[in-house]
Amino acid sequence: MAEVTDADFAAEVIGAELPVLVEFTADWCPPCRQMAPVLSALAAEEAGRLKVVQLNVDGNPETTNAYKVLSMPTFMVFRDGEPLRSMVGSRPKRRLREELADVL
C-alpha cells in the first residue's frame, strides 16, 4: 500500500483521478496494524476504481492538523479533491466496503 506525506499529499490525494481512501495511521497504534491486511486486500480488489494510501500522523503533522485528525486510525475518503467522509476506528473489511459503496 502506498504511503503519502505532507509533501506529496496534494499530488497523490487531492489531484487523484480515482476516489482515494486515506488511512491516517501511526506505528504505535495496534488497531492501525490490524487494518493493514484489510486495506491491502481492499486496494488489490478495487485497483482501478479506488486508490488506498496511508499517511503516518507522526511524520506528517501538517496534513493531520489540516483535516483535524485526532484518533487513529481515521479513514477519509476523497473524491475530486474533496473529503467526502471520515470514519474513525478499525472495522472489518465487509463494513468498510459497505461504507465505501456509494463512492465506488
PDB file of N, CA and C in Angstrom:
ATOM      1  N   MET A   1       0.840  -1.179   0.000  1.00  0.00           N
ATOM      2  CA  MET A   1       0.000   0.000   0.000  1.00  0.00           C
ATOM      3  C   MET A   1       0.887   1.244   0.000  1.00  0.00           C
ATOM      4  N   ALA A   2       0.506   2.213  -0.788  1.00  0.00           N
ATOM      5  CA  ALA A   2       1.308   3.422  -0.931  1.00  0.00           C
ATOM      6  C   ALA A   2       1.228   4.291   0.324  1.00  0.00           C
ATOM      7  N   GLU A   3       2.326   4.947   0.612  1.00  0.00           N
ATOM      8  CA  GLU A   3       2.348   5.920   1.701  1.00  0.00           C
ATOM      9  C   GLU A   3       2.427   7.310   1.100  1.00  0.00           C
ATOM     10  N   VAL A   4       1.712   8.240   1.704  1.00  0.00           N
ATOM     11  CA  VAL A   4       1.780   9.630   1.279  1.00  0.00           C
ATOM     12  C   VAL A   4       2.316  10.463   2.436  1.00  0.00           C
ATOM     13  N   THR A   5       2.808  11.654   2.101  1.00  0.00           N
ATOM     14  CA  THR A   5       3.393  12.554   3.094  1.00  0.00           C
ATOM     15  C   THR A   5       2.791  13.947   2.915  1.00  0.00           C
ATOM     16  N   ASP A   6       3.148  14.839   3.839  1.00  0.00           N
ATOM     17  CA  ASP A   6       2.729  16.234   3.686  1.00  0.00           C
ATOM     18  C   ASP A   6       3.170  16.765   2.327  1.00  0.00           C
ATOM     19  N   ALA A   7       4.377  16.373   1.894  1.00  0.00           N
ATOM     20  CA  ALA A   7       4.960  16.901   0.658  1.00  0.00           C
ATOM     21  C   ALA A   7       4.189  16.470  -0.589  1.00  0.00           C
ATOM     22  N   ASP A   8       3.689  15.229  -0.615  1.00  0.00           N
ATOM     23  CA  ASP A   8       3.031  14.762  -1.845  1.00  0.00           C
ATOM     24  C   ASP A   8       1.526  14.529  -1.701  1.00  0.00           C
ATOM     25  N   PHE A   9       0.935  14.926  -0.576  1.00  0.00           N
ATOM     26  CA  PHE A   9      -0.496  14.705  -0.347  1.00  0.00           C
ATOM     27  C   PHE A   9      -1.350  15.359  -1.435  1.00  0.00           C
ATOM     28  N   ALA A  10      -1.029  16.592  -1.778  1.00  0.00           N
ATOM     29  CA  ALA A  10      -1.832  17.298  -2.789  1.00  0.00           C
ATOM     30  C   ALA A  10      -1.794  16.569  -4.124  1.00  0.00           C
ATOM     31  N   ALA A  11      -0.625  16.120  -4.539  1.00  0.00           N
ATOM     32  CA  ALA A  11      -0.498  15.434  -5.831  1.00  0.00           C
ATOM     33  C   ALA A  11      -1.136  14.056  -5.800  1.00  0.00           C
ATOM     34  N   GLU A  12      -0.897  13.300  -4.728  1.00  0.00           N
ATOM     35  CA  GLU A  12      -1.339  11.904  -4.666  1.00  0.00           C
ATOM     36  C   GLU A  12      -2.812  11.736  -4.286  1.00  0.00           C
ATOM     37  N   VAL A  13      -3.341  12.655  -3.492  1.00  0.00           N
ATOM     38  CA  VAL A  13      -4.720  12.509  -3.000  1.00  0.00           C
ATOM     39  C   VAL A  13      -5.643  13.559  -3.615  1.00  0.00           C
ATOM     40  N   ILE A  14      -5.321  14.821  -3.413  1.00  0.00           N
ATOM     41  CA  ILE A  14      -6.186  15.900  -3.897  1.00  0.00           C
ATOM     42  C   ILE A  14      -6.280  15.869  -5.426  1.00  0.00           C
ATOM     43  N   GLY A  15      -5.162  15.582  -6.089  1.00  0.00           N
ATOM     44  CA  GLY A  15      -5.138  15.586  -7.549  1.00  0.00           C
ATOM     45  C   GLY A  15      -5.430  14.244  -8.193  1.00  0.00           C
ATOM     46  N   ALA A  16      -5.785  13.247  -7.405  1.00  0.00           N
ATOM     47  CA  ALA A  16      -6.010  11.903  -7.950  1.00  0.00           C
ATOM     48  C   ALA A  16      -7.277  11.851  -8.802  1.00  0.00           C
ATOM     49  N   GLU A  17      -7.219  11.054  -9.860  1.00  0.00           N
ATOM     50  CA  GLU A  17      -8.394  10.878 -10.717  1.00  0.00           C
ATOM     51  C   GLU A  17      -9.408   9.943 -10.079  1.00  0.00           C
ATOM     52  N   LEU A  18      -8.924   8.950  -9.344  1.00  0.00           N
ATOM     53  CA  LEU A  18      -9.802   7.987  -8.677  1.00  0.00           C
ATOM     54  C   LEU A  18     -10.192   8.500  -7.292  1.00  0.00           C
ATOM     55  N   PRO A  19     -11.272   7.974  -6.722  1.00  0.00           N
ATOM     56  CA  PRO A  19     -11.521   8.232  -5.300  1.00  0.00           C
ATOM     57  C   PRO A  19     -10.345   7.665  -4.492  1.00  0.00           C
ATOM     58  N   VAL A  20     -10.015   8.309  -3.384  1.00  0.00           N
ATOM     59  CA  VAL A  20      -8.874   7.890  -2.568  1.00  0.00           C
ATOM     60  C   VAL A  20      -9.336   7.643  -1.136  1.00  0.00           C
ATOM     61  N   LEU A  21      -8.965   6.484  -0.599  1.00  0.00           N
ATOM     62  CA  LEU A  21      -9.173   6.186   0.811  1.00  0.00           C
ATOM     63  C   LEU A  21      -7.838   6.407   1.507  1.00  0.00           C
ATOM     64  N   VAL A  22      -7.808   7.358   2.435  1.00  0.00           N
ATOM     65  CA  VAL A  22      -6.588   7.659   3.179  1.00  0.00           C
ATOM     66  C   VAL A  22      -6.743   7.114   4.596  1.00  0.00           C
ATOM     67  N   GLU A  23      -5.777   6.311   5.021  1.00  0.00           N
ATOM     68  CA  GLU A  23      -5.746   5.881   6.418  1.00  0.00           C
ATOM     69  C   GLU A  23      -4.723   6.750   7.130  1.00  0.00           C
ATOM     70  N   PHE A  24      -5.177   7.521   8.107  1.00  0.00           N
ATOM     71  CA  PHE A  24      -4.270   8.257   8.981  1.00  0.00           C
ATOM     72  C   PHE A  24      -3.856   7.263  10.060  1.00  0.00           C
ATOM     73  N   THR A  25      -2.568   6.952  10.124  1.00  0.00           N
ATOM     74  CA  THR A  25      -2.088   5.848  10.936  1.00  0.00           C
ATOM     75  C   THR A  25      -0.865   6.263  11.752  1.00  0.00           C
ATOM     76  N   ALA A  26      -0.451   5.386  12.652  1.00  0.00           N
ATOM     77  CA  ALA A  26       0.752   5.616  13.452  1.00  0.00           C
ATOM     78  C   ALA A  26       1.373   4.261  13.788  1.00  0.00           C
ATOM     79  N   ASP A  27       2.690   4.228  13.891  1.00  0.00           N
ATOM     80  CA  ASP A  27       3.392   2.978  14.195  1.00  0.00           C
ATOM     81  C   ASP A  27       2.995   2.405  15.550  1.00  0.00           C
ATOM     82  N   TRP A  28       2.637   3.272  16.492  1.00  0.00           N
ATOM     83  CA  TRP A  28       2.329   2.848  17.859  1.00  0.00           C
ATOM     84  C   TRP A  28       0.870   2.437  18.034  1.00  0.00           C
ATOM     85  N   CYS A  29       0.107   2.350  16.957  1.00  0.00           N
ATOM     86  CA  CYS A  29      -1.343   2.124  17.025  1.00  0.00           C
ATOM     87  C   CYS A  29      -1.688   0.678  16.658  1.00  0.00           C
ATOM     88  N   PRO A  30      -2.000  -0.184  17.663  1.00  0.00           N
ATOM     89  CA  PRO A  30      -2.349  -1.579  17.355  1.00  0.00           C
ATOM     90  C   PRO A  30      -3.535  -1.738  16.399  1.00  0.00           C
ATOM     91  N   PRO A  31      -4.644  -0.973  16.544  1.00  0.00           N
ATOM     92  CA  PRO A  31      -5.737  -1.135  15.576  1.00  0.00           C
ATOM     93  C   PRO A  31      -5.313  -0.779  14.145  1.00  0.00           C
ATOM     94  N   CYS A  32      -4.366   0.144  14.028  1.00  0.00           N
ATOM     95  CA  CYS A  32      -3.862   0.503  12.687  1.00  0.00           C
ATOM     96  C   CYS A  32      -3.161  -0.695  12.064  1.00  0.00           C
ATOM     97  N   ARG A  33      -2.365  -1.396  12.859  1.00  0.00           N
ATOM     98  CA  ARG A  33      -1.663  -2.575  12.348  1.00  0.00           C
ATOM     99  C   ARG A  33      -2.659  -3.657  11.953  1.00  0.00           C
ATOM    100  N   GLN A  34      -3.754  -3.792  12.705  1.00  0.00           N
ATOM    101  CA  GLN A  34      -4.791  -4.769  12.366  1.00  0.00           C
ATOM    102  C   GLN A  34      -5.425  -4.457  11.011  1.00  0.00           C
ATOM    103  N   MET A  35      -5.486  -3.187  10.664  1.00  0.00           N
ATOM    104  CA  MET A  35      -6.143  -2.784   9.418  1.00  0.00           C
ATOM    105  C   MET A  35      -5.265  -2.993   8.189  1.00  0.00           C
ATOM    106  N   ALA A  36      -3.967  -3.169   8.365  1.00  0.00           N
ATOM    107  CA  ALA A  36      -3.053  -3.272   7.219  1.00  0.00           C
ATOM    108  C   ALA A  36      -3.462  -4.363   6.230  1.00  0.00           C
ATOM    109  N   PRO A  37      -3.712  -5.611   6.672  1.00  0.00           N
ATOM    110  CA  PRO A  37      -4.103  -6.624   5.686  1.00  0.00           C
ATOM    111  C   PRO A  37      -5.470  -6.353   5.045  1.00  0.00           C
ATOM    112  N   VAL A  38      -6.384  -5.742   5.800  1.00  0.00           N
ATOM    113  CA  VAL A  38      -7.701  -5.397   5.269  1.00  0.00           C
ATOM    114  C   VAL A  38      -7.552  -4.369   4.150  1.00  0.00           C
ATOM    115  N   LEU A  39      -6.739  -3.351   4.408  1.00  0.00           N
ATOM    116  CA  LEU A  39      -6.553  -2.293   3.412  1.00  0.00           C
ATOM    117  C   LEU A  39      -5.788  -2.794   2.196  1.00  0.00           C
ATOM    118  N   SER A  40      -4.807  -3.661   2.419  1.00  0.00           N
ATOM    119  CA  SER A  40      -4.057  -4.224   1.288  1.00  0.00           C
ATOM    120  C   SER A  40      -4.979  -5.034   0.389  1.00  0.00           C
ATOM    121  N   ALA A  41      -5.850  -5.839   0.994  1.00  0.00           N
ATOM    122  CA  ALA A  41      -6.802  -6.635   0.217  1.00  0.00           C
ATOM    123  C   ALA A  41      -7.780  -5.739  -0.536  1.00  0.00           C
ATOM    124  N   LEU A  42      -8.274  -4.708   0.132  1.00  0.00           N
ATOM    125  CA  LEU A  42      -9.207  -3.785  -0.499  1.00  0.00           C
ATOM    126  C   LEU A  42      -8.540  -3.068  -1.677  1.00  0.00           C
ATOM    127  N   ALA A  43      -7.303  -2.642  -1.486  1.00  0.00           N
ATOM    128  CA  ALA A  43      -6.566  -1.960  -2.555  1.00  0.00           C
ATOM    129  C   ALA A  43      -6.415  -2.870  -3.773  1.00  0.00           C
ATOM    130  N   ALA A  44      -6.111  -4.149  -3.526  1.00  0.00           N
ATOM    131  CA  ALA A  44      -5.943  -5.099  -4.633  1.00  0.00           C
ATOM    132  C   ALA A  44      -7.276  -5.362  -5.333  1.00  0.00           C
ATOM    133  N   GLU A  45      -8.340  -5.540  -4.566  1.00  0.00           N
ATOM    134  CA  GLU A  45      -9.654  -5.855  -5.134  1.00  0.00           C
ATOM    135  C   GLU A  45     -10.252  -4.684  -5.907  1.00  0.00           C
ATOM    136  N   GLU A  46      -9.957  -3.469  -5.473  1.00  0.00           N
ATOM    137  CA  GLU A  46     -10.559  -2.282  -6.087  1.00  0.00           C
ATOM    138  C   GLU A  46      -9.579  -1.514  -6.964  1.00  0.00           C
ATOM    139  N   ALA A  47      -8.469  -2.127  -7.331  1.00  0.00           N
ATOM    140  CA  ALA A  47      -7.486  -1.463  -8.193  1.00  0.00           C
ATOM    141  C   ALA A  47      -8.186  -0.974  -9.462  1.00  0.00           C
ATOM    142  N   GLY A  48      -7.928   0.273  -9.810  1.00  0.00           N
ATOM    143  CA  GLY A  48      -8.585   0.850 -10.976  1.00  0.00           C
ATOM    144  C   GLY A  48      -9.876   1.586 -10.639  1.00  0.00           C
ATOM    145  N   ARG A  49     -10.412   1.338  -9.438  1.00  0.00           N
ATOM    146  CA  ARG A  49     -11.636   2.033  -9.006  1.00  0.00           C
ATOM    147  C   ARG A  49     -11.424   2.865  -7.753  1.00  0.00           C
ATOM    148  N   LEU A  50     -10.434   2.473  -6.945  1.00  0.00           N
ATOM    149  CA  LEU A  50     -10.172   3.147  -5.668  1.00  0.00           C
ATOM    150  C   LEU A  50      -8.681   3.094  -5.390  1.00  0.00           C
ATOM    151  N   LYS A  51      -8.146   4.225  -4.969  1.00  0.00           N
ATOM    152  CA  LYS A  51      -6.744   4.294  -4.561  1.00  0.00           C
ATOM    153  C   LYS A  51      -6.729   4.260  -3.030  1.00  0.00           C
ATOM    154  N   VAL A  52      -5.866   3.428  -2.446  1.00  0.00           N
ATOM    155  CA  VAL A  52      -5.773   3.319  -0.990  1.00  0.00           C
ATOM    156  C   VAL A  52      -4.365   3.707  -0.577  1.00  0.00           C
ATOM    157  N   VAL A  53      -4.252   4.676   0.329  1.00  0.00           N
ATOM    158  CA  VAL A  53      -2.950   5.149   0.792  1.00  0.00           C
ATOM    159  C   VAL A  53      -2.949   5.307   2.314  1.00  0.00           C
ATOM    160  N   GLN A  54      -1.754   5.364   2.875  1.00  0.00           N
ATOM    161  CA  GLN A  54      -1.581   5.604   4.305  1.00  0.00           C
ATOM    162  C   GLN A  54      -0.793   6.887   4.513  1.00  0.00           C
ATOM    163  N   LEU A  55      -1.109   7.579   5.593  1.00  0.00           N
ATOM    164  CA  LEU A  55      -0.349   8.753   5.993  1.00  0.00           C
ATOM    165  C   LEU A  55       0.002   8.594   7.470  1.00  0.00           C
ATOM    166  N   ASN A  56       1.304   8.592   7.772  1.00  0.00           N
ATOM    167  CA  ASN A  56       1.752   8.458   9.160  1.00  0.00           C
ATOM    168  C   ASN A  56       1.604   9.819   9.837  1.00  0.00           C
ATOM    169  N   VAL A  57       0.766   9.863  10.879  1.00  0.00           N
ATOM    170  CA  VAL A  57       0.456  11.142  11.533  1.00  0.00           C
ATOM    171  C   VAL A  57       1.667  11.738  12.240  1.00  0.00           C
ATOM    172  N   ASP A  58       2.550  10.890  12.754  1.00  0.00           N
ATOM    173  CA  ASP A  58       3.702  11.398  13.492  1.00  0.00           C
ATOM    174  C   ASP A  58       4.676  12.143  12.583  1.00  0.00           C
ATOM    175  N   GLY A  59       4.819  11.683  11.350  1.00  0.00           N
ATOM    176  CA  GLY A  59       5.764  12.315  10.443  1.00  0.00           C
ATOM    177  C   GLY A  59       5.159  13.373   9.554  1.00  0.00           C
ATOM    178  N   ASN A  60       3.844  13.533   9.621  1.00  0.00           N
ATOM    179  CA  ASN A  60       3.159  14.445   8.701  1.00  0.00           C
ATOM    180  C   ASN A  60       2.108  15.282   9.422  1.00  0.00           C
ATOM    181  N   PRO A  61       2.552  16.144  10.338  1.00  0.00           N
ATOM    182  CA  PRO A  61       1.606  16.906  11.159  1.00  0.00           C
ATOM    183  C   PRO A  61       0.788  17.928  10.370  1.00  0.00           C
ATOM    184  N   GLU A  62       1.325  18.428   9.271  1.00  0.00           N
ATOM    185  CA  GLU A  62       0.623  19.458   8.503  1.00  0.00           C
ATOM    186  C   GLU A  62      -0.720  18.938   7.969  1.00  0.00           C
ATOM    187  N   THR A  63      -0.681  17.801   7.297  1.00  0.00           N
ATOM    188  CA  THR A  63      -1.911  17.213   6.743  1.00  0.00           C
ATOM    189  C   THR A  63      -2.820  16.729   7.863  1.00  0.00           C
ATOM    190  N   THR A  64      -2.242  16.102   8.878  1.00  0.00           N
ATOM    191  CA  THR A  64      -3.022  15.601  10.015  1.00  0.00           C
ATOM    192  C   THR A  64      -3.809  16.741  10.658  1.00  0.00           C
ATOM    193  N   ASN A  65      -3.165  17.863  10.898  1.00  0.00           N
ATOM    194  CA  ASN A  65      -3.829  19.010  11.516  1.00  0.00           C
ATOM    195  C   ASN A  65      -4.830  19.674  10.573  1.00  0.00           C
ATOM    196  N   ALA A  66      -4.506  19.712   9.294  1.00  0.00           N
ATOM    197  CA  ALA A  66      -5.393  20.355   8.317  1.00  0.00           C
ATOM    198  C   ALA A  66      -6.755  19.671   8.281  1.00  0.00           C
ATOM    199  N   TYR A  67      -6.774  18.352   8.480  1.00  0.00           N
ATOM    200  CA  TYR A  67      -8.034  17.607   8.452  1.00  0.00           C
ATOM    201  C   TYR A  67      -8.535  17.249   9.846  1.00  0.00           C
ATOM    202  N   LYS A  68      -7.921  17.872  10.865  1.00  0.00           N
ATOM    203  CA  LYS A  68      -8.362  17.735  12.260  1.00  0.00           C
ATOM    204  C   LYS A  68      -8.468  16.282  12.710  1.00  0.00           C
ATOM    205  N   VAL A  69      -7.464  15.482  12.350  1.00  0.00           N
ATOM    206  CA  VAL A  69      -7.438  14.071  12.728  1.00  0.00           C
ATOM    207  C   VAL A  69      -6.905  13.963  14.156  1.00  0.00           C
ATOM    208  N   LEU A  70      -7.700  13.364  15.044  1.00  0.00           N
ATOM    209  CA  LEU A  70      -7.322  13.245  16.447  1.00  0.00           C
ATOM    210  C   LEU A  70      -7.164  11.795  16.900  1.00  0.00           C
ATOM    211  N   SER A  71      -7.830  10.864  16.245  1.00  0.00           N
ATOM    212  CA  SER A  71      -7.798   9.458  16.645  1.00  0.00           C
ATOM    213  C   SER A  71      -7.252   8.598  15.518  1.00  0.00           C
ATOM    214  N   MET A  72      -6.603   7.496  15.904  1.00  0.00           N
ATOM    215  CA  MET A  72      -6.070   6.562  14.924  1.00  0.00           C
ATOM    216  C   MET A  72      -6.750   5.207  15.095  1.00  0.00           C
ATOM    217  N   PRO A  73      -7.034   4.492  14.043  1.00  0.00           N
ATOM    218  CA  PRO A  73      -6.937   5.002  12.667  1.00  0.00           C
ATOM    219  C   PRO A  73      -8.158   5.851  12.311  1.00  0.00           C
ATOM    220  N   THR A  74      -7.931   6.860  11.506  1.00  0.00           N
ATOM    221  CA  THR A  74      -9.016   7.619  10.896  1.00  0.00           C
ATOM    222  C   THR A  74      -8.923   7.374   9.398  1.00  0.00           C
ATOM    223  N   PHE A  75     -10.054   7.078   8.803  1.00  0.00           N
ATOM    224  CA  PHE A  75     -10.122   6.881   7.356  1.00  0.00           C
ATOM    225  C   PHE A  75     -10.874   8.047   6.756  1.00  0.00           C
ATOM    226  N   MET A  76     -10.317   8.616   5.689  1.00  0.00           N
ATOM    227  CA  MET A  76     -11.010   9.685   4.976  1.00  0.00           C
ATOM    228  C   MET A  76     -11.092   9.307   3.512  1.00  0.00           C
ATOM    229  N   VAL A  77     -12.257   9.549   2.944  1.00  0.00           N
ATOM    230  CA  VAL A  77     -12.466   9.292   1.527  1.00  0.00           C
ATOM    231  C   VAL A  77     -12.467  10.634   0.805  1.00  0.00           C
ATOM    232  N   PHE A  78     -11.629  10.736  -0.217  1.00  0.00           N
ATOM    233  CA  PHE A  78     -11.549  11.942  -1.025  1.00  0.00           C
ATOM    234  C   PHE A  78     -11.994  11.611  -2.446  1.00  0.00           C
ATOM    235  N   ARG A  79     -12.776  12.509  -3.033  1.00  0.00           N
ATOM    236  CA  ARG A  79     -13.125  12.385  -4.454  1.00  0.00           C
ATOM    237  C   ARG A  79     -13.097  13.782  -5.051  1.00  0.00           C
ATOM    238  N   ASP A  80     -12.451  13.905  -6.190  1.00  0.00           N
ATOM    239  CA  ASP A  80     -12.297  15.203  -6.871  1.00  0.00           C
ATOM    240  C   ASP A  80     -11.700  16.246  -5.933  1.00  0.00           C
ATOM    241  N   GLY A  81     -10.751  15.797  -5.091  1.00  0.00           N
ATOM    242  CA  GLY A  81     -10.035  16.717  -4.221  1.00  0.00           C
ATOM    243  C   GLY A  81     -10.753  17.110  -2.945  1.00  0.00           C
ATOM    244  N   GLU A  82     -11.957  16.614  -2.760  1.00  0.00           N
ATOM    245  CA  GLU A  82     -12.744  16.985  -1.584  1.00  0.00           C
ATOM    246  C   GLU A  82     -12.920  15.795  -0.640  1.00  0.00           C
ATOM    247  N   PRO A  83     -12.789  16.034   0.681  1.00  0.00           N
ATOM    248  CA  PRO A  83     -13.082  14.953   1.630  1.00  0.00           C
ATOM    249  C   PRO A  83     -14.591  14.715   1.678  1.00  0.00           C
ATOM    250  N   LEU A  84     -15.000  13.478   1.411  1.00  0.00           N
ATOM    251  CA  LEU A  84     -16.430  13.139   1.396  1.00  0.00           C
ATOM    252  C   LEU A  84     -16.892  12.601   2.736  1.00  0.00           C
ATOM    253  N   ARG A  85     -16.020  11.834   3.383  1.00  0.00           N
ATOM    254  CA  ARG A  85     -16.440  11.111   4.579  1.00  0.00           C
ATOM    255  C   ARG A  85     -15.230  10.845   5.447  1.00  0.00           C
ATOM    256  N   SER A  86     -15.483  10.796   6.742  1.00  0.00           N
ATOM    257  CA  SER A  86     -14.450  10.441   7.707  1.00  0.00           C
ATOM    258  C   SER A  86     -14.993   9.341   8.605  1.00  0.00           C
ATOM    259  N   MET A  87     -14.168   8.328   8.850  1.00  0.00           N
ATOM    260  CA  MET A  87     -14.568   7.196   9.690  1.00  0.00           C
ATOM    261  C   MET A  87     -13.439   6.944  10.687  1.00  0.00           C
ATOM    262  N   VAL A  88     -13.787   6.790  11.946  1.00  0.00           N
ATOM    263  CA  VAL A  88     -12.769   6.599  12.983  1.00  0.00           C
ATOM    264  C   VAL A  88     -12.853   5.185  13.544  1.00  0.00           C
ATOM    265  N   GLY A  89     -11.706   4.546  13.683  1.00  0.00           N
ATOM    266  CA  GLY A  89     -11.638   3.232  14.304  1.00  0.00           C
ATOM    267  C   GLY A  89     -11.515   2.107  13.295  1.00  0.00           C
ATOM    268  N   SER A  90     -10.928   0.998  13.755  1.00  0.00           N
ATOM    269  CA  SER A  90     -10.778  -0.147  12.863  1.00  0.00           C
ATOM    270  C   SER A  90     -12.142  -0.789  12.637  1.00  0.00           C
ATOM    271  N   ARG A  91     -12.252  -1.493  11.530  1.00  0.00           N
ATOM    272  CA  ARG A  91     -13.512  -2.130  11.160  1.00  0.00           C
ATOM    273  C   ARG A  91     -13.225  -3.296  10.238  1.00  0.00           C
ATOM    274  N   PRO A  92     -14.127  -4.281  10.208  1.00  0.00           N
ATOM    275  CA  PRO A  92     -13.925  -5.400   9.284  1.00  0.00           C
ATOM    276  C   PRO A  92     -14.061  -4.933   7.827  1.00  0.00           C
ATOM    277  N   LYS A  93     -13.455  -5.689   6.930  1.00  0.00           N
ATOM    278  CA  LYS A  93     -13.473  -5.311   5.515  1.00  0.00           C
ATOM    279  C   LYS A  93     -14.898  -5.171   4.984  1.00  0.00           C
ATOM    280  N   ARG A  94     -15.793  -6.068   5.389  1.00  0.00           N
ATOM    281  CA  ARG A  94     -17.175  -6.010   4.914  1.00  0.00           C
ATOM    282  C   ARG A  94     -17.810  -4.658   5.244  1.00  0.00           C
ATOM    283  N   ARG A  95     -17.614  -4.204   6.480  1.00  0.00           N
ATOM    284  CA  ARG A  95     -18.204  -2.918   6.888  1.00  0.00           C
ATOM    285  C   ARG A  95     -17.548  -1.757   6.153  1.00  0.00           C
ATOM    286  N   LEU A  96     -16.236  -1.814   5.996  1.00  0.00           N
ATOM    287  CA  LEU A  96     -15.532  -0.760   5.275  1.00  0.00           C
ATOM    288  C   LEU A  96     -16.037  -0.692   3.836  1.00  0.00           C
ATOM    289  N   ARG A  97     -16.209  -1.847   3.218  1.00  0.00           N
ATOM    290  CA  ARG A  97     -16.721  -1.920   1.842  1.00  0.00           C
ATOM    291  C   ARG A  97     -18.130  -1.313   1.756  1.00  0.00           C
ATOM    292  N   GLU A  98     -18.981  -1.600   2.744  1.00  0.00           N
ATOM    293  CA  GLU A  98     -20.334  -1.028   2.772  1.00  0.00           C
ATOM    294  C   GLU A  98     -20.276   0.489   2.860  1.00  0.00           C
ATOM    295  N   GLU A  99     -19.350   0.981   3.689  1.00  0.00           N
ATOM    296  CA  GLU A  99     -19.235   2.436   3.871  1.00  0.00           C
ATOM    297  C   GLU A  99     -18.666   3.121   2.626  1.00  0.00           C
ATOM    298  N   LEU A 100     -18.017   2.356   1.771  1.00  0.00           N
ATOM    299  CA  LEU A 100     -17.435   2.924   0.552  1.00  0.00           C
ATOM    300  C   LEU A 100     -18.324   2.704  -0.675  1.00  0.00           C
ATOM    301  N   ALA A 101     -19.434   1.975  -0.501  1.00  0.00           N
ATOM    302  CA  ALA A 101     -20.255   1.571  -1.640  1.00  0.00           C
ATOM    303  C   ALA A 101     -20.707   2.749  -2.505  1.00  0.00           C
ATOM    304  N   ASP A 102     -21.107   3.853  -1.881  1.00  0.00           N
ATOM    305  CA  ASP A 102     -21.608   4.984  -2.681  1.00  0.00           C
ATOM    306  C   ASP A 102     -20.484   5.779  -3.334  1.00  0.00           C
ATOM    307  N   VAL A 103     -19.244   5.499  -2.977  1.00  0.00           N
ATOM    308  CA  VAL A 103     -18.107   6.215  -3.548  1.00  0.00           C
ATOM    309  C   VAL A 103     -17.575   5.483  -4.778  1.00  0.00           C
ATOM    310  N   LEU A 104     -17.681   4.152  -4.751  1.00  0.00           N
ATOM    311  CA  LEU A 104     -17.119   3.347  -5.842  1.00  0.00           C
ATOM    312  C   LEU A 104     -18.028   3.302  -7.052  1.00  0.00           C
TER     313      LEU A 104
END
